[in-house]
Protein backbone atom coordinates (compact mmCIF):
# COMPACT_ATOMS: atom_id res chain seq x y z
CA UNK A 1 18.09 65.82 5.95
CA UNK A 2 14.74 64.76 7.36
CA UNK A 3 14.83 64.24 11.06
CA UNK A 4 13.13 61.29 12.55
CA UNK A 5 10.76 62.24 15.40
CA UNK A 6 11.14 60.12 18.53
CA UNK A 7 8.34 60.38 21.05
CA UNK A 8 9.49 59.95 24.65
CA UNK A 9 7.42 59.18 27.73
CA UNK A 10 9.23 58.55 31.04
CA UNK A 11 9.35 60.26 34.39
CA UNK A 12 12.46 58.36 35.63
CA UNK A 13 15.14 60.72 37.00
CA UNK A 14 17.78 58.30 35.78
CA UNK A 15 16.43 57.83 32.26
CA UNK A 16 15.72 61.45 31.38
CA UNK A 17 19.33 62.73 31.77
CA UNK A 18 20.54 59.71 29.66
CA UNK A 19 17.99 60.48 26.90
CA UNK A 20 18.64 64.21 26.90
CA UNK A 21 22.41 63.55 26.64
CA UNK A 22 21.85 60.97 23.84
CA UNK A 23 19.76 63.22 21.63
CA UNK A 24 21.78 66.40 22.23
CA UNK A 25 24.46 65.34 19.76
CA UNK A 26 22.35 63.46 17.26
CA UNK A 27 20.92 65.79 14.60
CA UNK A 28 19.15 62.99 12.65
CA UNK A 29 16.56 62.67 15.46
CA UNK A 30 14.04 65.09 16.82
CA UNK A 31 13.09 64.10 20.38
CA UNK A 32 9.58 65.08 21.68
CA UNK A 33 9.13 64.64 25.41
CA UNK A 34 5.74 63.87 26.97
CA UNK A 35 4.70 63.59 30.58
CA UNK A 36 1.14 62.45 29.94
CA UNK A 37 0.31 59.22 28.05
CA UNK A 38 -2.95 60.79 26.67
CA UNK A 39 -1.03 63.70 25.13
CA UNK A 40 1.45 61.32 23.48
CA UNK A 41 -1.40 59.28 21.97
CA UNK A 42 -3.21 62.35 20.75
CA UNK A 43 -0.01 63.57 19.12
CA UNK A 44 0.66 60.13 17.56
CA UNK A 45 -2.77 59.99 16.00
CA UNK A 46 -2.20 63.29 14.19
CA UNK A 47 1.49 63.07 13.38
CA UNK A 48 2.86 59.59 14.07
CA UNK A 49 6.42 59.69 15.23
CA UNK A 50 9.14 57.38 13.69
CA UNK A 51 9.52 55.56 16.99
CA UNK A 52 8.72 55.79 20.74
CA UNK A 53 10.91 55.37 23.81
CA UNK A 54 8.74 54.36 26.77
CA UNK A 55 9.35 53.95 30.47
CA UNK A 56 7.84 50.94 32.19
CA UNK A 57 5.23 52.96 34.10
CA UNK A 58 3.09 53.76 31.09
CA UNK A 59 4.20 51.06 28.56
CA UNK A 60 1.05 48.93 28.93
CA UNK A 61 -1.14 52.01 28.11
CA UNK A 62 0.92 53.21 25.17
CA UNK A 63 2.55 50.32 23.28
CA UNK A 64 -0.71 48.57 22.44
CA UNK A 65 -2.70 51.72 21.72
CA UNK A 66 -0.08 53.19 19.48
CA UNK A 67 -0.63 50.46 16.85
CA UNK A 68 2.15 50.31 14.23
CA UNK A 69 4.54 52.83 15.85
CA UNK A 70 7.65 50.87 16.91
CA UNK A 71 8.85 51.28 20.46
CA UNK A 72 11.86 50.81 22.69
CA UNK A 73 11.08 49.93 26.32
CA UNK A 74 13.43 51.34 28.94
CA UNK A 75 13.67 48.64 31.52
CA UNK A 76 14.07 49.57 35.21
CA UNK A 77 13.42 47.90 38.60
CA UNK A 78 12.92 44.14 38.35
CA UNK A 79 14.69 43.56 34.99
CA UNK A 80 13.44 40.05 34.24
CA UNK A 81 9.83 40.81 35.13
CA UNK A 82 9.82 44.05 33.18
CA UNK A 83 11.38 42.44 30.14
CA UNK A 84 8.44 40.06 30.10
CA UNK A 85 6.09 42.95 30.58
CA UNK A 86 7.71 44.77 27.63
CA UNK A 87 7.31 41.80 25.34
CA UNK A 88 3.75 41.24 26.43
CA UNK A 89 3.06 44.88 25.50
CA UNK A 90 4.51 44.29 22.05
CA UNK A 91 7.50 46.58 22.52
CA UNK A 92 9.84 45.97 19.51
CA UNK A 93 12.94 45.93 21.67
CA UNK A 94 14.18 46.99 25.18
CA UNK A 95 17.06 48.54 26.86
CA UNK A 96 18.15 47.72 30.48
CA UNK A 97 20.68 49.35 32.79
CA UNK A 98 23.36 50.30 32.45
CA UNK A 99 21.96 52.32 29.50
CA UNK A 100 24.53 52.70 26.68
CA UNK A 101 24.43 55.28 23.79
CA UNK A 102 25.62 52.75 21.24
CA UNK A 103 22.91 50.23 22.35
CA UNK A 104 20.07 52.76 22.04
CA UNK A 105 21.45 54.07 18.67
CA UNK A 106 21.45 50.52 17.28
CA UNK A 107 17.96 49.73 18.48
CA UNK A 108 16.44 52.95 17.23
CA UNK A 109 18.08 52.49 13.77
CA UNK A 110 16.82 48.94 13.60
CA UNK A 111 13.20 49.54 14.48
CA UNK A 112 12.96 52.52 12.16
CA UNK A 113 14.70 50.56 9.33
CA UNK A 114 12.21 47.68 9.91
CA UNK A 115 9.26 50.09 9.98
CA UNK A 116 10.32 51.75 6.72
CA UNK A 117 10.78 48.30 5.11
CA UNK A 118 7.28 47.27 6.27
CA UNK A 119 5.76 50.53 4.96
CA UNK A 120 7.44 49.95 1.59
CA UNK A 121 6.09 46.41 1.51
CA UNK A 122 2.55 47.60 2.38
CA UNK A 123 2.68 50.32 -0.22
CA UNK A 124 3.83 47.83 -2.91
CA UNK A 125 1.20 45.41 -1.74
CA UNK A 126 -1.53 48.09 -2.13
CA UNK A 127 -0.15 48.85 -5.66
CA UNK A 128 -0.41 45.19 -6.58
CA UNK A 129 -3.93 44.89 -5.08
CA UNK A 130 -4.93 47.97 -7.12
CA UNK A 131 -3.61 46.29 -10.30
CA UNK A 132 -5.52 43.18 -9.40
CA UNK A 133 -8.65 45.10 -8.68
CA UNK A 134 -8.39 46.98 -12.02
CA UNK A 135 -7.72 43.76 -13.92
CA UNK A 136 -10.80 42.10 -12.34
CA UNK A 137 -12.82 45.28 -13.05
CA UNK A 138 -12.09 45.30 -16.75
CA UNK A 139 -12.10 41.58 -17.36
CA UNK A 140 -15.90 41.22 -17.29
CA UNK A 141 -16.76 43.54 -20.16
CA UNK A 142 -16.13 43.58 -23.92
CA UNK A 143 -17.45 47.12 -24.28
CA UNK A 144 -14.37 49.13 -25.04
CA UNK A 145 -15.91 52.45 -24.07
CA UNK A 146 -17.02 51.03 -20.67
CA UNK A 147 -13.64 49.34 -20.33
CA UNK A 148 -11.68 52.64 -20.82
CA UNK A 149 -13.90 54.57 -18.49
CA UNK A 150 -13.44 51.96 -15.74
CA UNK A 151 -9.71 52.35 -16.11
CA UNK A 152 -9.65 56.17 -15.64
CA UNK A 153 -12.22 56.05 -12.92
CA UNK A 154 -10.19 53.46 -10.96
CA UNK A 155 -7.04 55.55 -11.37
CA UNK A 156 -8.78 58.64 -10.06
CA UNK A 157 -10.06 56.67 -7.09
CA UNK A 158 -6.60 55.61 -6.06
CA UNK A 159 -4.44 58.63 -7.01
CA UNK A 160 -5.54 62.20 -6.34
CA UNK A 161 -5.72 63.82 -9.74
CA UNK A 162 -7.43 66.88 -11.22
CA UNK A 163 -7.93 65.17 -14.57
CA UNK A 164 -7.30 61.69 -15.96
CA UNK A 165 -7.93 60.73 -19.56
CA UNK A 166 -7.05 58.15 -22.14
CA UNK A 167 -6.08 59.65 -25.46
CA UNK A 168 -6.20 58.00 -28.87
CA UNK A 169 -3.80 59.35 -31.41
CA UNK A 170 -4.37 59.25 -35.19
CA UNK A 171 -0.73 59.02 -36.40
CA UNK A 172 -1.67 59.88 -40.01
CA UNK A 173 -3.11 63.40 -39.45
CA UNK A 174 -1.60 64.01 -36.01
CA UNK A 175 -4.97 64.60 -34.25
CA UNK A 176 -6.02 63.25 -30.93
CA UNK A 177 -9.31 61.97 -29.44
CA UNK A 178 -10.20 61.71 -25.81
CA UNK A 179 -11.69 58.26 -25.62
CA UNK A 180 -12.28 58.23 -21.80
CA UNK A 181 -12.27 60.86 -19.07
CA UNK A 182 -12.99 60.24 -15.36
CA UNK A 183 -14.55 63.75 -14.91
CA UNK A 184 -17.57 62.61 -16.77
CA UNK A 185 -18.37 59.38 -18.53
CA UNK A 186 -20.01 61.19 -21.47
CA UNK A 187 -16.84 63.18 -22.13
CA UNK A 188 -15.43 60.97 -24.93
CA UNK A 189 -14.72 61.09 -28.58
CA UNK A 190 -13.63 64.69 -28.12
CA UNK A 191 -11.02 65.93 -30.64
CA UNK A 192 -8.10 67.93 -29.31
CA UNK A 193 -5.23 69.72 -31.12
CA UNK A 194 -1.86 68.15 -30.34
CA UNK A 195 -0.22 71.57 -30.77
CA UNK A 196 -1.76 72.40 -27.40
CA UNK A 197 -0.37 69.21 -25.84
CA UNK A 198 3.42 69.12 -26.30
CA UNK A 199 3.72 66.51 -23.57
CA UNK A 200 1.63 64.04 -25.59
CA UNK A 201 3.64 64.76 -28.77
CA UNK A 202 6.81 64.09 -26.75
CA UNK A 203 5.49 60.75 -25.47
CA UNK A 204 4.41 59.87 -29.01
CA UNK A 205 7.89 60.60 -30.37
CA UNK A 206 10.01 58.94 -27.57
CA UNK A 207 7.55 56.15 -26.71
CA UNK A 208 8.48 56.83 -23.04
CA UNK A 209 6.85 58.47 -20.03
CA UNK A 210 6.74 62.19 -20.03
CA UNK A 211 6.76 63.76 -16.53
CA UNK A 212 6.09 67.50 -16.19
CA UNK A 213 6.83 68.14 -12.54
CA UNK A 214 6.17 71.88 -12.70
CA UNK A 215 4.28 73.36 -15.71
CA UNK A 216 5.57 76.83 -14.76
CA UNK A 217 9.24 75.96 -15.18
CA UNK A 218 9.45 72.97 -17.63
CA UNK A 219 10.88 74.08 -20.98
CA UNK A 220 8.59 71.64 -22.89
CA UNK A 221 5.54 73.61 -21.83
CA UNK A 222 6.88 77.10 -22.63
CA UNK A 223 4.64 77.57 -25.72
CA UNK A 224 1.41 76.49 -24.00
CA UNK A 225 2.11 77.85 -20.48
CA UNK A 226 -0.29 80.79 -20.84
CA UNK A 227 -3.07 78.43 -22.11
CA UNK A 228 -2.62 76.09 -19.13
CA UNK A 229 -2.26 78.79 -16.43
CA UNK A 230 -6.05 79.40 -15.92
CA UNK A 231 -6.60 75.70 -15.40
CA UNK A 232 -4.43 75.70 -12.27
CA UNK A 233 -2.51 72.54 -13.33
CA UNK A 234 0.91 72.19 -11.88
CA UNK A 235 2.03 68.62 -12.82
CA UNK A 236 1.27 66.36 -15.79
CA UNK A 237 2.15 62.80 -16.48
CA UNK A 238 1.76 61.01 -19.79
CA UNK A 239 2.19 57.17 -19.91
CA UNK A 240 2.15 55.25 -23.23
CA UNK A 241 0.06 52.06 -22.98
CA UNK A 242 2.17 49.05 -23.89
CA UNK A 243 1.58 45.38 -24.42
CA UNK A 244 4.49 43.04 -24.58
CA UNK A 245 6.98 45.92 -25.07
CA UNK A 246 5.05 47.29 -28.03
CA UNK A 247 3.03 50.49 -28.06
CA UNK A 248 -0.59 49.54 -28.69
CA UNK A 249 -1.63 51.71 -31.58
CA UNK A 250 -1.84 55.18 -30.18
CA UNK A 251 -3.33 55.01 -26.73
CA UNK A 252 -1.91 57.28 -24.08
CA UNK A 253 -2.79 57.76 -20.43
CA UNK A 254 -2.68 61.44 -19.39
CA UNK A 255 -3.17 62.67 -15.80
CA UNK A 256 -2.67 65.99 -14.22
CA UNK A 257 -2.97 67.61 -10.80
CA UNK A 258 -3.12 71.10 -9.36
CA UNK A 259 -1.19 70.41 -6.13
CA UNK A 260 2.20 68.77 -5.85
CA UNK A 261 3.94 66.54 -8.37
CA UNK A 262 3.65 62.78 -9.07
CA UNK A 263 5.68 60.53 -6.77
CA UNK A 264 7.68 57.60 -7.92
CA UNK A 265 5.21 55.04 -6.46
CA UNK A 266 2.33 56.87 -8.22
CA UNK A 267 4.16 56.78 -11.53
CA UNK A 268 4.96 53.06 -11.00
CA UNK A 269 1.29 52.43 -10.23
CA UNK A 270 0.14 54.31 -13.32
CA UNK A 271 2.56 52.21 -15.33
CA UNK A 272 1.05 49.05 -13.89
CA UNK A 273 -2.44 50.21 -14.69
CA UNK A 274 -1.57 51.26 -18.24
CA UNK A 275 -0.13 47.83 -18.80
CA UNK A 276 -3.16 46.14 -17.22
CA UNK A 277 -5.49 48.10 -19.54
CA UNK A 278 -3.46 47.13 -22.57
CA UNK A 279 -3.71 43.49 -21.65
CA UNK A 280 -7.40 43.56 -20.62
CA UNK A 281 -8.18 40.62 -22.91
CA UNK A 282 -4.78 38.96 -22.62
CA UNK A 283 -4.01 39.40 -18.95
CA UNK A 284 -3.02 35.94 -17.89
CA UNK A 285 0.68 36.89 -17.84
CA UNK A 286 -0.07 39.88 -15.75
CA UNK A 287 -1.90 37.79 -13.25
CA UNK A 288 1.03 35.44 -12.97
CA UNK A 289 3.36 38.37 -12.46
CA UNK A 290 1.17 39.96 -9.82
CA UNK A 291 0.65 36.65 -8.07
CA UNK A 292 4.35 35.93 -7.93
CA UNK A 293 5.00 39.37 -6.53
CA UNK A 294 2.27 38.94 -3.99
CA UNK A 295 3.72 35.61 -2.95
CA UNK A 296 7.15 37.24 -2.53
CA UNK A 297 5.69 40.01 -0.37
CA UNK A 298 3.71 37.48 1.72
CA UNK A 299 7.00 35.66 2.28
CA UNK A 300 8.73 38.87 3.34
CA UNK A 301 5.89 39.62 5.76
CA UNK A 302 6.59 36.36 7.68
CA UNK A 303 10.35 36.50 7.50
CA UNK A 304 12.72 38.03 10.07
CA UNK A 305 14.56 40.79 8.20
CA UNK A 306 17.95 40.11 9.85
CA UNK A 307 18.26 36.27 9.89
CA UNK A 308 15.98 35.22 7.04
CA UNK A 309 14.11 32.68 9.19
CA UNK A 310 10.50 33.04 10.25
CA UNK A 311 9.56 35.90 12.43
CA UNK A 312 7.60 35.64 15.72
CA UNK A 313 4.37 36.75 14.00
CA UNK A 314 4.38 33.69 11.75
CA UNK A 315 5.42 31.46 14.61
CA UNK A 316 2.37 32.49 16.62
CA UNK A 317 0.19 31.74 13.60
CA UNK A 318 1.73 28.27 13.29
CA UNK A 319 1.74 27.37 16.99
CA UNK A 320 -2.01 28.10 17.28
CA UNK A 321 -2.59 25.75 14.35
CA UNK A 322 -0.35 23.03 15.52
CA UNK A 323 -1.59 23.14 19.18
CA UNK A 324 -5.18 22.86 17.93
CA UNK A 325 -4.12 19.85 15.75
CA UNK A 326 -2.18 18.17 18.62
CA UNK A 327 -5.23 18.42 20.89
CA UNK A 328 -7.57 17.15 18.23
CA UNK A 329 -5.49 14.10 17.47
CA UNK A 330 -4.04 13.62 21.03
CA UNK A 331 -0.51 13.93 19.74
CA UNK A 332 2.54 15.46 21.36
CA UNK A 333 3.76 18.96 20.47
CA UNK A 334 7.13 20.26 21.79
CA UNK A 335 8.56 23.79 21.94
CA UNK A 336 12.17 24.73 22.28
CA UNK A 337 13.27 28.11 23.51
CA UNK A 338 16.92 28.88 22.78
CA UNK A 339 19.10 31.76 24.05
CA UNK A 340 22.68 32.45 23.06
CA UNK A 341 24.79 32.49 26.23
CA UNK A 342 26.49 35.76 27.06
CA UNK A 343 25.44 37.36 23.75
CA UNK A 344 25.64 40.82 25.31
CA UNK A 345 29.29 40.34 25.71
CA UNK A 346 29.65 39.76 21.90
CA UNK A 347 27.94 43.12 21.28
CA UNK A 348 30.03 44.89 23.95
CA UNK A 349 33.37 43.52 22.71
CA UNK A 350 32.86 43.18 18.96
CA UNK A 351 30.07 45.70 18.29
CA UNK A 352 26.45 45.39 17.24
CA UNK A 353 27.38 44.96 13.56
CA UNK A 354 29.30 41.82 14.39
CA UNK A 355 26.56 40.84 16.76
CA UNK A 356 24.07 40.93 13.84
CA UNK A 357 26.38 38.80 11.73
CA UNK A 358 26.61 36.22 14.56
CA UNK A 359 22.82 36.11 14.82
CA UNK A 360 22.62 35.50 11.05
CA UNK A 361 25.17 32.70 11.26
CA UNK A 362 23.52 31.24 14.34
CA UNK A 363 20.21 31.11 12.54
CA UNK A 364 21.85 29.44 9.58
CA UNK A 365 23.33 26.68 11.78
CA UNK A 366 19.92 26.16 13.48
CA UNK A 367 18.15 25.91 10.09
CA UNK A 368 20.81 23.43 8.82
CA UNK A 369 20.15 21.12 11.76
CA UNK A 370 16.37 21.48 12.19
CA UNK A 371 14.05 18.86 10.74
CA UNK A 372 11.83 19.77 7.77
CA UNK A 373 8.71 19.44 9.92
CA UNK A 374 10.07 21.87 12.60
CA UNK A 375 9.14 25.53 12.67
CA UNK A 376 12.14 27.79 13.46
CA UNK A 377 11.71 31.44 14.27
CA UNK A 378 13.52 34.32 15.78
CA UNK A 379 11.67 35.16 18.98
CA UNK A 380 13.50 38.42 19.66
CA UNK A 381 17.01 39.64 20.22
CA UNK A 382 19.24 36.60 20.74
CA UNK A 383 16.26 34.33 21.54
CA UNK A 384 14.99 31.76 19.05
CA UNK A 385 12.18 29.29 19.21
CA UNK A 386 11.50 25.96 17.54
CA UNK A 387 8.15 24.14 17.31
CA UNK A 388 8.42 20.34 17.01
CA UNK A 389 5.11 18.71 15.91
CA UNK A 390 4.54 15.07 16.75
CA UNK A 391 7.45 15.13 19.15
CA UNK A 392 7.43 13.74 22.72
CA UNK A 393 9.69 15.02 25.54
CA UNK A 394 12.36 12.33 24.84
CA UNK A 395 12.54 13.21 21.21
CA UNK A 396 12.58 16.96 21.90
CA UNK A 397 15.43 16.45 24.39
CA UNK A 398 17.38 14.49 21.81
CA UNK A 399 16.83 17.21 19.20
CA UNK A 400 17.80 19.97 21.68
CA UNK A 401 21.01 18.20 22.71
CA UNK A 402 21.95 17.67 19.05
CA UNK A 403 21.47 21.35 18.31
CA UNK A 404 23.31 22.39 21.48
CA UNK A 405 26.36 20.25 20.53
CA UNK A 406 26.35 21.55 16.95
CA UNK A 407 26.37 25.20 18.24
CA UNK A 408 29.11 24.60 20.83
CA UNK A 409 31.39 22.96 18.21
CA UNK A 410 30.66 25.50 15.51
CA UNK A 411 33.43 28.06 14.63
CA UNK A 412 31.70 31.35 14.06
CA UNK A 413 33.32 33.12 11.06
CA UNK A 414 31.92 36.47 12.26
CA UNK A 415 34.02 36.38 15.43
CA UNK A 416 37.82 36.98 15.67
CA UNK A 417 39.69 33.68 16.08
CA UNK A 418 36.34 31.99 15.37
CA UNK A 419 35.38 31.86 18.98
CA UNK A 420 32.86 29.26 20.04
CA UNK A 421 29.48 30.18 21.41
CA UNK A 422 27.10 28.15 23.54
CA UNK A 423 23.36 28.05 23.82
CA UNK A 424 20.90 27.33 26.60
CA UNK A 425 17.67 25.56 25.68
CA UNK A 426 14.35 25.19 27.49
CA UNK A 427 11.84 22.46 26.45
CA UNK A 428 8.12 22.17 27.09
CA UNK A 429 5.75 19.52 25.77
CA UNK A 430 2.03 19.25 25.39
CA UNK A 431 0.07 17.41 26.71
CA UNK A 432 0.98 18.49 30.17
CA UNK A 433 -1.29 19.15 33.14
CA UNK A 434 -0.25 22.80 33.30
CA UNK A 435 -0.35 23.45 29.65
CA UNK A 436 -3.86 24.40 28.48
CA UNK A 437 -3.16 26.70 25.57
CA UNK A 438 -0.44 27.61 23.07
CA UNK A 439 0.71 30.53 25.23
CA UNK A 440 1.22 28.16 28.14
CA UNK A 441 3.50 26.01 25.88
CA UNK A 442 5.65 29.01 25.09
CA UNK A 443 5.70 30.27 28.67
CA UNK A 444 6.67 26.83 29.95
CA UNK A 445 9.53 26.57 27.47
CA UNK A 446 10.70 29.98 28.56
CA UNK A 447 10.57 28.84 32.20
CA UNK A 448 12.68 25.78 31.36
CA UNK A 449 15.11 28.12 29.55
CA UNK A 450 15.41 30.17 32.73
CA UNK A 451 16.23 26.95 34.57
CA UNK A 452 18.92 26.06 32.04
CA UNK A 453 20.44 29.52 32.44
CA UNK A 454 20.44 29.42 36.20
CA UNK A 455 21.97 25.91 36.16
CA UNK A 456 25.16 27.06 34.47
CA UNK A 457 24.17 27.67 30.84
CA UNK A 458 25.16 25.50 27.80
CA UNK A 459 22.63 22.95 28.73
CA UNK A 460 19.08 21.75 28.10
CA UNK A 461 16.29 21.84 30.72
CA UNK A 462 12.82 20.30 30.52
CA UNK A 463 9.72 21.87 32.04
CA UNK A 464 8.27 19.51 34.60
């Protein structure tokens, strides 16, 4: 099983023993300890770890510079101030004393899972963009030879291959013609003997992909192994070119490489490209398919993976827009910051799995009772945030009170005996003398939330 590398940077005498003890019995992780921020960054540039655990001393230097590597901040000292610092430094989550194994385990798993999902989304997005690029590339020519060459050239640009060709088969006399080859545009209309290409014959017979992962061991290649050996080819992939589930005549895409085998994403991408080339003059359906998938991916990129509501990245995008609009038209813009009261107790008593279910249910209740014009997002952990366009303080307070009452009366199915939960809410509204930018509006709502917490929880406070 592949071990996830966790890069660790802290010089705290309290944190190090906890981390060493935590990783000692967990074989799925490979901890790498660093004492110098520069060394960690150098290491991350060459071999990015799956995640980082950072002490507060160096978090501002590392978290931003490390880019897409998710991080857990180990909070120490002034907990409230350092939590804010961790958020400002874009740490994905944080852990504060007393440090618990189960809590750290849950957070590491969550950020690695989110990172992997993001990487898959990005890979799929790149695949779709490649198909769009290819479709656009081949849509502006009626020259079939130029069209076919553009296809193989584009494939070779995206996927590292030794050879890439499109083969036309004459089904009557069982001969084949290379109609396009990326190695050289003039290499075309070259006849080849199908007896030397059993993988093409197999694809012609089955009308399915033929994947030769290792030429040296695949039984299909036994009769031609000696012929192929001098070429240094290890892996071969043959993809029939279809249109509307029918094989188009006898066109086949054949690629090969000398190092490694073809991955599933590469095979999927070649499939997409084969389909795009077959539909070069009839590609409207493909465009619709690609655009739908692109829309779905764009929606995923702005959605919180756990709760299904907007994520904080999208919220920042919207609040910048709405704040600018409110200033331009001199209208009110309110922001509600919500925090589930004593949520840590839910995790401690019922476990983090139940805690996640509670967060999902909590988000569902919020979504049900928000207005259509409101922008609801998960801000982080058990904190949520709502943007209320065209809403003055009185209206925001009324909305917040309505939400608070719905939450306090809701029976959470995720909890035993359907225990009730409460929520504290902070409100800030622009225009306000102290609110000059969208960040001020969020910070002011957070300050009001702090007031609500300190005043006994399960209440609404307005920033004044």
